[in-house]
Amino acid sequence: MLYQDFYSSPLGEIRLLADEEGLCGLYFVGQKYELRGFDKEEIACQSTSLLEAGKNWLDAYFSGQNLPAVSLSIYGTDFQKRVWEELRLIPAGESLTYGQLADRLSCKSAQAIGGAVGKNPLSLIIPCHRILGADGSLTGYAGGLERKSWLLEHERRS
């Protein structure tokens, strides 16, 4: 069973999903790949302590405060999980290109990295917005490039 709740952010409504172990989804409502992999699951519209912890994390993120710990329950392939774990190591206010991320993971395909980055189910917590095109351009953010730009600027100011 999955549980969901919503959060009103400066960038629009965010859907949070949790199972019994931790947060497993954090999506801007309407974004590409929203609920991918969870579309056949029974989802209860009921807040839980894990969802409340996710909302507290979002409060801290958007207000530029220190981020509290939050339990995660990450669904994905082993390759995707490796990519997503590496994303979590990129400090706020910094960025990498898809190629640099591929080099860090000894992966020969920046496109494969891009596919995994794009399917990240925990936007913001797993900071896929910190990945840029080879020339430093804003590319490939499932939540939209305007949001990506806002997030990167927010992190530089915080």
N, C-alpha and C. Protein backbone atom coordinates (compact mmCIF):
# COMPACT_ATOMS: atom_id res chain seq x y z
N MET A 1 0.84 -1.18 0.00
CA MET A 1 0.00 0.00 0.00
C MET A 1 0.88 1.24 0.00
N LEU A 2 0.51 2.20 -0.82
CA LEU A 2 1.19 3.49 -0.86
C LEU A 2 0.25 4.56 -0.30
N TYR A 3 0.86 5.60 0.22
CA TYR A 3 0.11 6.72 0.77
C TYR A 3 0.59 7.98 0.07
N GLN A 4 -0.32 8.93 -0.13
CA GLN A 4 0.08 10.17 -0.78
C GLN A 4 -0.48 11.37 -0.05
N ASP A 5 0.22 12.45 -0.21
CA ASP A 5 -0.21 13.75 0.28
C ASP A 5 0.36 14.78 -0.68
N PHE A 6 -0.06 16.01 -0.53
CA PHE A 6 0.37 17.07 -1.43
C PHE A 6 0.96 18.22 -0.64
N TYR A 7 1.84 18.96 -1.31
CA TYR A 7 2.54 20.08 -0.70
C TYR A 7 2.48 21.25 -1.68
N SER A 8 2.09 22.41 -1.20
CA SER A 8 2.08 23.62 -2.03
C SER A 8 3.45 24.28 -1.94
N SER A 9 4.17 24.28 -3.06
CA SER A 9 5.52 24.85 -3.10
C SER A 9 5.49 26.15 -3.90
N PRO A 10 6.57 26.91 -3.85
CA PRO A 10 6.67 28.11 -4.69
C PRO A 10 6.64 27.79 -6.18
N LEU A 11 6.85 26.52 -6.52
CA LEU A 11 6.89 26.11 -7.93
C LEU A 11 5.67 25.29 -8.35
N GLY A 12 4.68 25.24 -7.49
CA GLY A 12 3.48 24.46 -7.79
C GLY A 12 3.31 23.29 -6.84
N GLU A 13 2.22 22.60 -7.04
CA GLU A 13 1.84 21.47 -6.18
C GLU A 13 2.81 20.31 -6.36
N ILE A 14 3.19 19.71 -5.23
CA ILE A 14 4.08 18.55 -5.23
C ILE A 14 3.33 17.38 -4.62
N ARG A 15 3.41 16.24 -5.29
CA ARG A 15 2.82 14.99 -4.80
C ARG A 15 3.92 14.19 -4.10
N LEU A 16 3.65 13.79 -2.86
CA LEU A 16 4.56 12.93 -2.11
C LEU A 16 3.93 11.55 -1.98
N LEU A 17 4.73 10.52 -2.18
CA LEU A 17 4.31 9.13 -2.00
C LEU A 17 5.20 8.47 -0.98
N ALA A 18 4.61 7.61 -0.16
CA ALA A 18 5.39 6.83 0.80
C ALA A 18 4.81 5.44 0.91
N ASP A 19 5.69 4.50 1.21
CA ASP A 19 5.24 3.17 1.60
C ASP A 19 5.49 3.06 3.10
N GLU A 20 5.57 1.87 3.64
CA GLU A 20 5.78 1.71 5.08
C GLU A 20 7.22 1.99 5.50
N GLU A 21 8.15 2.03 4.54
CA GLU A 21 9.58 2.21 4.84
C GLU A 21 10.06 3.65 4.73
N GLY A 22 9.50 4.40 3.79
CA GLY A 22 9.99 5.76 3.58
C GLY A 22 9.33 6.41 2.37
N LEU A 23 9.79 7.60 2.05
CA LEU A 23 9.30 8.29 0.86
C LEU A 23 9.78 7.53 -0.37
N CYS A 24 8.88 7.35 -1.32
CA CYS A 24 9.27 6.66 -2.55
C CYS A 24 8.95 7.49 -3.79
N GLY A 25 8.28 8.62 -3.60
CA GLY A 25 7.99 9.49 -4.72
C GLY A 25 7.83 10.93 -4.27
N LEU A 26 8.37 11.83 -5.07
CA LEU A 26 8.20 13.26 -4.85
C LEU A 26 8.22 13.89 -6.24
N TYR A 27 7.04 14.32 -6.70
CA TYR A 27 6.87 14.79 -8.07
C TYR A 27 6.14 16.13 -8.09
N PHE A 28 6.52 17.01 -9.02
CA PHE A 28 5.68 18.14 -9.32
C PHE A 28 4.46 17.58 -10.05
N VAL A 29 3.27 17.96 -9.62
CA VAL A 29 2.06 17.44 -10.23
C VAL A 29 2.06 17.79 -11.72
N GLY A 30 1.90 16.76 -12.54
CA GLY A 30 1.87 16.92 -13.98
C GLY A 30 3.21 16.74 -14.66
N GLN A 31 4.27 16.52 -13.91
CA GLN A 31 5.59 16.38 -14.53
C GLN A 31 5.69 15.08 -15.31
N LYS A 32 6.64 15.04 -16.22
CA LYS A 32 6.93 13.83 -16.98
C LYS A 32 7.32 12.71 -16.02
N TYR A 33 6.85 11.53 -16.27
CA TYR A 33 7.12 10.32 -15.48
C TYR A 33 6.48 10.33 -14.09
N GLU A 34 5.55 11.25 -13.83
CA GLU A 34 4.87 11.27 -12.53
C GLU A 34 4.19 9.91 -12.31
N LEU A 35 4.42 9.34 -11.17
CA LEU A 35 3.86 8.05 -10.74
C LEU A 35 4.34 6.87 -11.58
N ARG A 36 5.38 7.05 -12.41
CA ARG A 36 5.91 5.95 -13.21
C ARG A 36 6.33 4.81 -12.29
N GLY A 37 5.81 3.65 -12.58
CA GLY A 37 6.11 2.47 -11.76
C GLY A 37 5.16 2.29 -10.59
N PHE A 38 4.37 3.31 -10.30
CA PHE A 38 3.42 3.21 -9.20
C PHE A 38 1.98 3.27 -9.69
N ASP A 39 1.77 3.34 -11.00
CA ASP A 39 0.44 3.56 -11.55
C ASP A 39 -0.51 2.38 -11.33
N LYS A 40 0.00 1.22 -11.00
CA LYS A 40 -0.87 0.07 -10.73
C LYS A 40 -1.00 -0.22 -9.23
N GLU A 41 -0.37 0.60 -8.44
CA GLU A 41 -0.41 0.42 -6.99
C GLU A 41 -1.66 1.07 -6.41
N GLU A 42 -2.15 0.51 -5.33
CA GLU A 42 -3.23 1.14 -4.60
C GLU A 42 -2.63 2.28 -3.78
N ILE A 43 -3.18 3.47 -3.97
CA ILE A 43 -2.66 4.66 -3.31
C ILE A 43 -3.76 5.29 -2.47
N ALA A 44 -3.52 5.38 -1.17
CA ALA A 44 -4.48 5.99 -0.26
C ALA A 44 -4.13 7.46 -0.06
N CYS A 45 -5.13 8.31 -0.14
CA CYS A 45 -4.94 9.74 0.14
C CYS A 45 -5.03 9.93 1.65
N GLN A 46 -3.92 9.66 2.29
CA GLN A 46 -3.88 9.67 3.75
C GLN A 46 -2.47 10.04 4.19
N SER A 47 -2.37 11.04 5.03
CA SER A 47 -1.06 11.45 5.50
C SER A 47 -0.51 10.43 6.50
N THR A 48 0.80 10.31 6.49
CA THR A 48 1.49 9.43 7.44
C THR A 48 2.65 10.22 8.02
N SER A 49 3.29 9.69 9.03
CA SER A 49 4.44 10.37 9.61
C SER A 49 5.57 10.51 8.58
N LEU A 50 5.72 9.56 7.68
CA LEU A 50 6.74 9.65 6.64
C LEU A 50 6.43 10.76 5.65
N LEU A 51 5.16 10.92 5.31
CA LEU A 51 4.77 12.01 4.42
C LEU A 51 4.95 13.36 5.12
N GLU A 52 4.62 13.42 6.39
CA GLU A 52 4.83 14.66 7.16
C GLU A 52 6.32 15.01 7.22
N ALA A 53 7.16 13.99 7.37
CA ALA A 53 8.61 14.22 7.37
C ALA A 53 9.05 14.77 6.01
N GLY A 54 8.47 14.27 4.94
CA GLY A 54 8.77 14.78 3.61
C GLY A 54 8.34 16.23 3.45
N LYS A 55 7.19 16.58 3.99
CA LYS A 55 6.72 17.97 3.92
C LYS A 55 7.62 18.87 4.77
N ASN A 56 8.08 18.38 5.90
CA ASN A 56 9.03 19.15 6.72
C ASN A 56 10.33 19.37 5.97
N TRP A 57 10.79 18.35 5.25
CA TRP A 57 12.00 18.47 4.43
C TRP A 57 11.80 19.57 3.39
N LEU A 58 10.64 19.55 2.72
CA LEU A 58 10.36 20.56 1.71
C LEU A 58 10.28 21.96 2.32
N ASP A 59 9.68 22.09 3.49
CA ASP A 59 9.66 23.39 4.18
C ASP A 59 11.09 23.91 4.37
N ALA A 60 11.96 23.03 4.86
CA ALA A 60 13.35 23.42 5.10
C ALA A 60 14.05 23.75 3.79
N TYR A 61 13.85 22.95 2.77
CA TYR A 61 14.49 23.20 1.47
C TYR A 61 14.10 24.56 0.92
N PHE A 62 12.81 24.83 0.86
CA PHE A 62 12.35 26.07 0.25
C PHE A 62 12.65 27.31 1.10
N SER A 63 12.89 27.12 2.39
CA SER A 63 13.24 28.26 3.23
C SER A 63 14.75 28.41 3.40
N GLY A 64 15.54 27.51 2.76
CA GLY A 64 16.99 27.62 2.80
C GLY A 64 17.61 27.18 4.11
N GLN A 65 16.90 26.37 4.88
CA GLN A 65 17.41 25.89 6.17
C GLN A 65 18.13 24.56 5.99
N ASN A 66 18.78 24.11 7.07
CA ASN A 66 19.41 22.79 7.04
C ASN A 66 18.35 21.73 6.83
N LEU A 67 18.67 20.76 6.01
CA LEU A 67 17.69 19.75 5.64
C LEU A 67 17.67 18.62 6.67
N PRO A 68 16.48 18.30 7.18
CA PRO A 68 16.38 17.20 8.13
C PRO A 68 16.52 15.86 7.41
N ALA A 69 16.88 14.85 8.16
CA ALA A 69 16.95 13.49 7.59
C ALA A 69 15.54 13.03 7.26
N VAL A 70 15.43 12.27 6.20
CA VAL A 70 14.14 11.71 5.81
C VAL A 70 14.39 10.29 5.31
N SER A 71 13.54 9.37 5.72
CA SER A 71 13.67 7.97 5.28
C SER A 71 13.20 7.84 3.85
N LEU A 72 13.97 7.12 3.05
CA LEU A 72 13.63 6.89 1.65
C LEU A 72 13.44 5.41 1.38
N SER A 73 12.56 5.12 0.47
CA SER A 73 12.33 3.77 -0.03
C SER A 73 12.40 3.89 -1.55
N ILE A 74 13.55 3.56 -2.10
CA ILE A 74 13.82 3.88 -3.51
C ILE A 74 13.56 2.66 -4.39
N TYR A 75 12.69 2.86 -5.38
CA TYR A 75 12.35 1.82 -6.34
C TYR A 75 13.03 2.14 -7.66
N GLY A 76 13.77 1.19 -8.20
CA GLY A 76 14.43 1.38 -9.49
C GLY A 76 15.37 0.22 -9.75
N THR A 77 15.98 0.23 -10.92
CA THR A 77 16.96 -0.80 -11.25
C THR A 77 18.24 -0.54 -10.47
N ASP A 78 19.11 -1.51 -10.44
CA ASP A 78 20.40 -1.32 -9.76
C ASP A 78 21.17 -0.16 -10.40
N PHE A 79 21.15 -0.06 -11.74
CA PHE A 79 21.84 1.02 -12.42
C PHE A 79 21.24 2.37 -12.03
N GLN A 80 19.92 2.48 -12.06
CA GLN A 80 19.27 3.73 -11.68
C GLN A 80 19.64 4.12 -10.25
N LYS A 81 19.62 3.16 -9.35
CA LYS A 81 19.95 3.45 -7.95
C LYS A 81 21.39 3.95 -7.81
N ARG A 82 22.31 3.40 -8.60
CA ARG A 82 23.70 3.89 -8.57
C ARG A 82 23.77 5.34 -9.03
N VAL A 83 23.05 5.64 -10.10
CA VAL A 83 23.04 7.01 -10.62
C VAL A 83 22.42 7.94 -9.58
N TRP A 84 21.29 7.55 -9.01
CA TRP A 84 20.59 8.40 -8.06
C TRP A 84 21.41 8.62 -6.79
N GLU A 85 22.14 7.60 -6.36
CA GLU A 85 23.00 7.77 -5.18
C GLU A 85 24.11 8.78 -5.47
N GLU A 86 24.65 8.73 -6.68
CA GLU A 86 25.69 9.69 -7.06
C GLU A 86 25.12 11.11 -7.11
N LEU A 87 23.89 11.25 -7.56
CA LEU A 87 23.25 12.57 -7.59
C LEU A 87 23.18 13.18 -6.18
N ARG A 88 22.95 12.34 -5.21
CA ARG A 88 22.82 12.82 -3.82
C ARG A 88 24.14 13.36 -3.28
N LEU A 89 25.24 13.06 -3.95
CA LEU A 89 26.56 13.53 -3.50
C LEU A 89 26.91 14.91 -4.04
N ILE A 90 26.09 15.43 -4.97
CA ILE A 90 26.37 16.75 -5.55
C ILE A 90 25.85 17.80 -4.57
N PRO A 91 26.74 18.64 -4.05
CA PRO A 91 26.30 19.64 -3.07
C PRO A 91 25.35 20.67 -3.68
N ALA A 92 24.47 21.19 -2.85
CA ALA A 92 23.58 22.27 -3.27
C ALA A 92 24.41 23.43 -3.80
N GLY A 93 23.94 24.04 -4.88
CA GLY A 93 24.66 25.16 -5.47
C GLY A 93 25.70 24.75 -6.48
N GLU A 94 25.92 23.44 -6.62
CA GLU A 94 26.89 22.95 -7.60
C GLU A 94 26.16 22.13 -8.66
N SER A 95 26.83 21.84 -9.75
CA SER A 95 26.23 21.05 -10.81
C SER A 95 27.30 20.24 -11.53
N LEU A 96 26.84 19.26 -12.26
CA LEU A 96 27.68 18.43 -13.12
C LEU A 96 26.99 18.30 -14.47
N THR A 97 27.73 17.88 -15.47
CA THR A 97 27.11 17.54 -16.75
C THR A 97 26.80 16.03 -16.75
N TYR A 98 25.97 15.64 -17.70
CA TYR A 98 25.67 14.21 -17.84
C TYR A 98 26.96 13.43 -18.09
N GLY A 99 27.86 13.98 -18.90
CA GLY A 99 29.14 13.32 -19.17
C GLY A 99 30.01 13.18 -17.93
N GLN A 100 30.07 14.24 -17.11
CA GLN A 100 30.84 14.15 -15.87
C GLN A 100 30.26 13.10 -14.93
N LEU A 101 28.94 13.02 -14.88
CA LEU A 101 28.30 12.00 -14.05
C LEU A 101 28.61 10.61 -14.59
N ALA A 102 28.59 10.47 -15.91
CA ALA A 102 28.95 9.19 -16.53
C ALA A 102 30.38 8.80 -16.17
N ASP A 103 31.31 9.77 -16.23
CA ASP A 103 32.70 9.49 -15.87
C ASP A 103 32.80 9.04 -14.41
N ARG A 104 32.10 9.72 -13.52
CA ARG A 104 32.14 9.34 -12.10
C ARG A 104 31.69 7.91 -11.88
N LEU A 105 30.75 7.45 -12.72
CA LEU A 105 30.19 6.11 -12.55
C LEU A 105 30.83 5.09 -13.49
N SER A 106 31.89 5.51 -14.18
CA SER A 106 32.56 4.64 -15.16
C SER A 106 31.57 4.05 -16.15
N CYS A 107 30.69 4.91 -16.61
CA CYS A 107 29.67 4.52 -17.59
C CYS A 107 30.04 5.17 -18.92
N LYS A 108 30.02 4.40 -20.00
CA LYS A 108 30.41 4.92 -21.30
C LYS A 108 29.32 5.71 -21.99
N SER A 109 28.11 5.73 -21.43
CA SER A 109 26.99 6.35 -22.11
C SER A 109 26.35 7.46 -21.28
N ALA A 110 26.56 8.69 -21.71
CA ALA A 110 25.88 9.81 -21.06
C ALA A 110 24.37 9.71 -21.29
N GLN A 111 23.96 9.09 -22.41
CA GLN A 111 22.54 8.91 -22.68
C GLN A 111 21.90 7.97 -21.67
N ALA A 112 22.60 6.90 -21.30
CA ALA A 112 22.08 5.98 -20.28
C ALA A 112 21.96 6.71 -18.94
N ILE A 113 22.94 7.54 -18.64
CA ILE A 113 22.88 8.34 -17.42
C ILE A 113 21.66 9.26 -17.48
N GLY A 114 21.47 9.91 -18.62
CA GLY A 114 20.32 10.80 -18.79
C GLY A 114 19.00 10.10 -18.60
N GLY A 115 18.90 8.87 -19.09
CA GLY A 115 17.67 8.10 -18.91
C GLY A 115 17.39 7.83 -17.44
N ALA A 116 18.43 7.48 -16.70
CA ALA A 116 18.26 7.22 -15.26
C ALA A 116 17.94 8.51 -14.50
N VAL A 117 18.65 9.58 -14.84
CA VAL A 117 18.41 10.86 -14.17
C VAL A 117 16.96 11.29 -14.39
N GLY A 118 16.47 11.16 -15.61
CA GLY A 118 15.12 11.59 -15.95
C GLY A 118 14.02 10.82 -15.25
N LYS A 119 14.31 9.60 -14.87
CA LYS A 119 13.29 8.77 -14.22
C LYS A 119 13.40 8.76 -12.70
N ASN A 120 14.17 9.68 -12.16
CA ASN A 120 14.32 9.83 -10.72
C ASN A 120 12.95 10.05 -10.07
N PRO A 121 12.54 9.18 -9.15
CA PRO A 121 11.22 9.32 -8.54
C PRO A 121 11.18 10.28 -7.35
N LEU A 122 12.32 10.78 -6.92
CA LEU A 122 12.36 11.61 -5.71
C LEU A 122 13.00 12.97 -6.01
N SER A 123 12.38 13.69 -6.92
CA SER A 123 12.86 15.01 -7.32
C SER A 123 13.14 15.86 -6.09
N LEU A 124 14.14 16.67 -6.17
CA LEU A 124 14.64 17.56 -5.12
C LEU A 124 15.46 16.80 -4.09
N ILE A 125 14.91 15.77 -3.48
CA ILE A 125 15.66 14.99 -2.48
C ILE A 125 16.84 14.30 -3.17
N ILE A 126 16.57 13.70 -4.31
CA ILE A 126 17.64 13.21 -5.19
C ILE A 126 17.74 14.29 -6.26
N PRO A 127 18.75 15.17 -6.17
CA PRO A 127 18.76 16.42 -6.92
C PRO A 127 19.15 16.31 -8.39
N CYS A 128 18.25 15.76 -9.19
CA CYS A 128 18.53 15.61 -10.62
C CYS A 128 18.58 16.95 -11.34
N HIS A 129 18.05 18.00 -10.72
CA HIS A 129 18.10 19.33 -11.34
C HIS A 129 19.53 19.88 -11.40
N ARG A 130 20.46 19.25 -10.72
CA ARG A 130 21.86 19.72 -10.70
C ARG A 130 22.67 19.18 -11.87
N ILE A 131 22.02 18.48 -12.80
CA ILE A 131 22.72 17.92 -13.96
C ILE A 131 22.42 18.78 -15.18
N LEU A 132 23.48 19.17 -15.89
CA LEU A 132 23.37 20.08 -17.02
C LEU A 132 23.86 19.40 -18.30
N GLY A 133 23.54 20.03 -19.42
CA GLY A 133 24.04 19.56 -20.71
C GLY A 133 25.54 19.74 -20.80
N ALA A 134 26.14 19.14 -21.82
CA ALA A 134 27.60 19.17 -21.99
C ALA A 134 28.15 20.59 -22.04
N ASP A 135 27.36 21.52 -22.56
CA ASP A 135 27.81 22.91 -22.68
C ASP A 135 27.36 23.77 -21.49
N GLY A 136 26.84 23.13 -20.45
CA GLY A 136 26.37 23.85 -19.28
C GLY A 136 24.94 24.36 -19.38
N SER A 137 24.25 23.97 -20.45
CA SER A 137 22.88 24.44 -20.65
C SER A 137 21.89 23.63 -19.81
N LEU A 138 20.75 24.24 -19.57
CA LEU A 138 19.67 23.57 -18.85
C LEU A 138 18.96 22.65 -19.82
N THR A 139 19.00 21.37 -19.55
CA THR A 139 18.34 20.38 -20.40
C THR A 139 17.71 19.32 -19.53
N GLY A 140 16.72 18.66 -20.08
CA GLY A 140 16.21 17.41 -19.56
C GLY A 140 15.72 17.35 -18.13
N TYR A 141 14.88 18.26 -17.70
CA TYR A 141 14.32 18.16 -16.35
C TYR A 141 12.85 17.82 -16.44
N ALA A 142 12.45 16.69 -15.86
CA ALA A 142 11.07 16.22 -15.96
C ALA A 142 10.06 17.21 -15.39
N GLY A 143 10.49 18.04 -14.45
CA GLY A 143 9.61 19.04 -13.87
C GLY A 143 9.53 20.32 -14.67
N GLY A 144 10.30 20.43 -15.75
CA GLY A 144 10.29 21.62 -16.60
C GLY A 144 11.52 22.48 -16.37
N LEU A 145 12.00 23.08 -17.44
CA LEU A 145 13.24 23.86 -17.38
C LEU A 145 13.09 25.13 -16.54
N GLU A 146 11.91 25.73 -16.50
CA GLU A 146 11.72 26.91 -15.65
C GLU A 146 11.93 26.55 -14.19
N ARG A 147 11.40 25.41 -13.79
CA ARG A 147 11.61 24.95 -12.41
C ARG A 147 13.07 24.65 -12.15
N LYS A 148 13.72 24.00 -13.09
CA LYS A 148 15.14 23.66 -12.93
C LYS A 148 15.95 24.93 -12.72
N SER A 149 15.70 25.94 -13.53
CA SER A 149 16.41 27.21 -13.40
C SER A 149 16.16 27.83 -12.03
N TRP A 150 14.91 27.83 -11.59
CA TRP A 150 14.55 28.40 -10.29
C TRP A 150 15.27 27.66 -9.16
N LEU A 151 15.27 26.32 -9.22
CA LEU A 151 15.90 25.50 -8.18
C LEU A 151 17.39 25.77 -8.09
N LEU A 152 18.06 25.84 -9.23
CA LEU A 152 19.51 26.09 -9.22
C LEU A 152 19.80 27.47 -8.65
N GLU A 153 19.03 28.46 -9.02
CA GLU A 153 19.23 29.81 -8.49
C GLU A 153 18.92 29.86 -6.99
N HIS A 154 17.87 29.20 -6.57
CA HIS A 154 17.51 29.12 -5.14
C HIS A 154 18.67 28.53 -4.33
N GLU A 155 19.28 27.47 -4.84
CA GLU A 155 20.37 26.82 -4.12
C GLU A 155 21.63 27.69 -4.10
N ARG A 156 21.85 28.45 -5.12
CA ARG A 156 23.00 29.35 -5.13
C ARG A 156 22.84 30.47 -4.11
N ARG A 157 21.60 30.92 -3.91
CA ARG A 157 21.33 31.99 -2.95
C ARG A 157 21.29 31.49 -1.50
N SER A 158 20.94 30.23 -1.31
CA SER A 158 20.75 29.69 0.06
C SER A 158 22.05 29.36 0.75
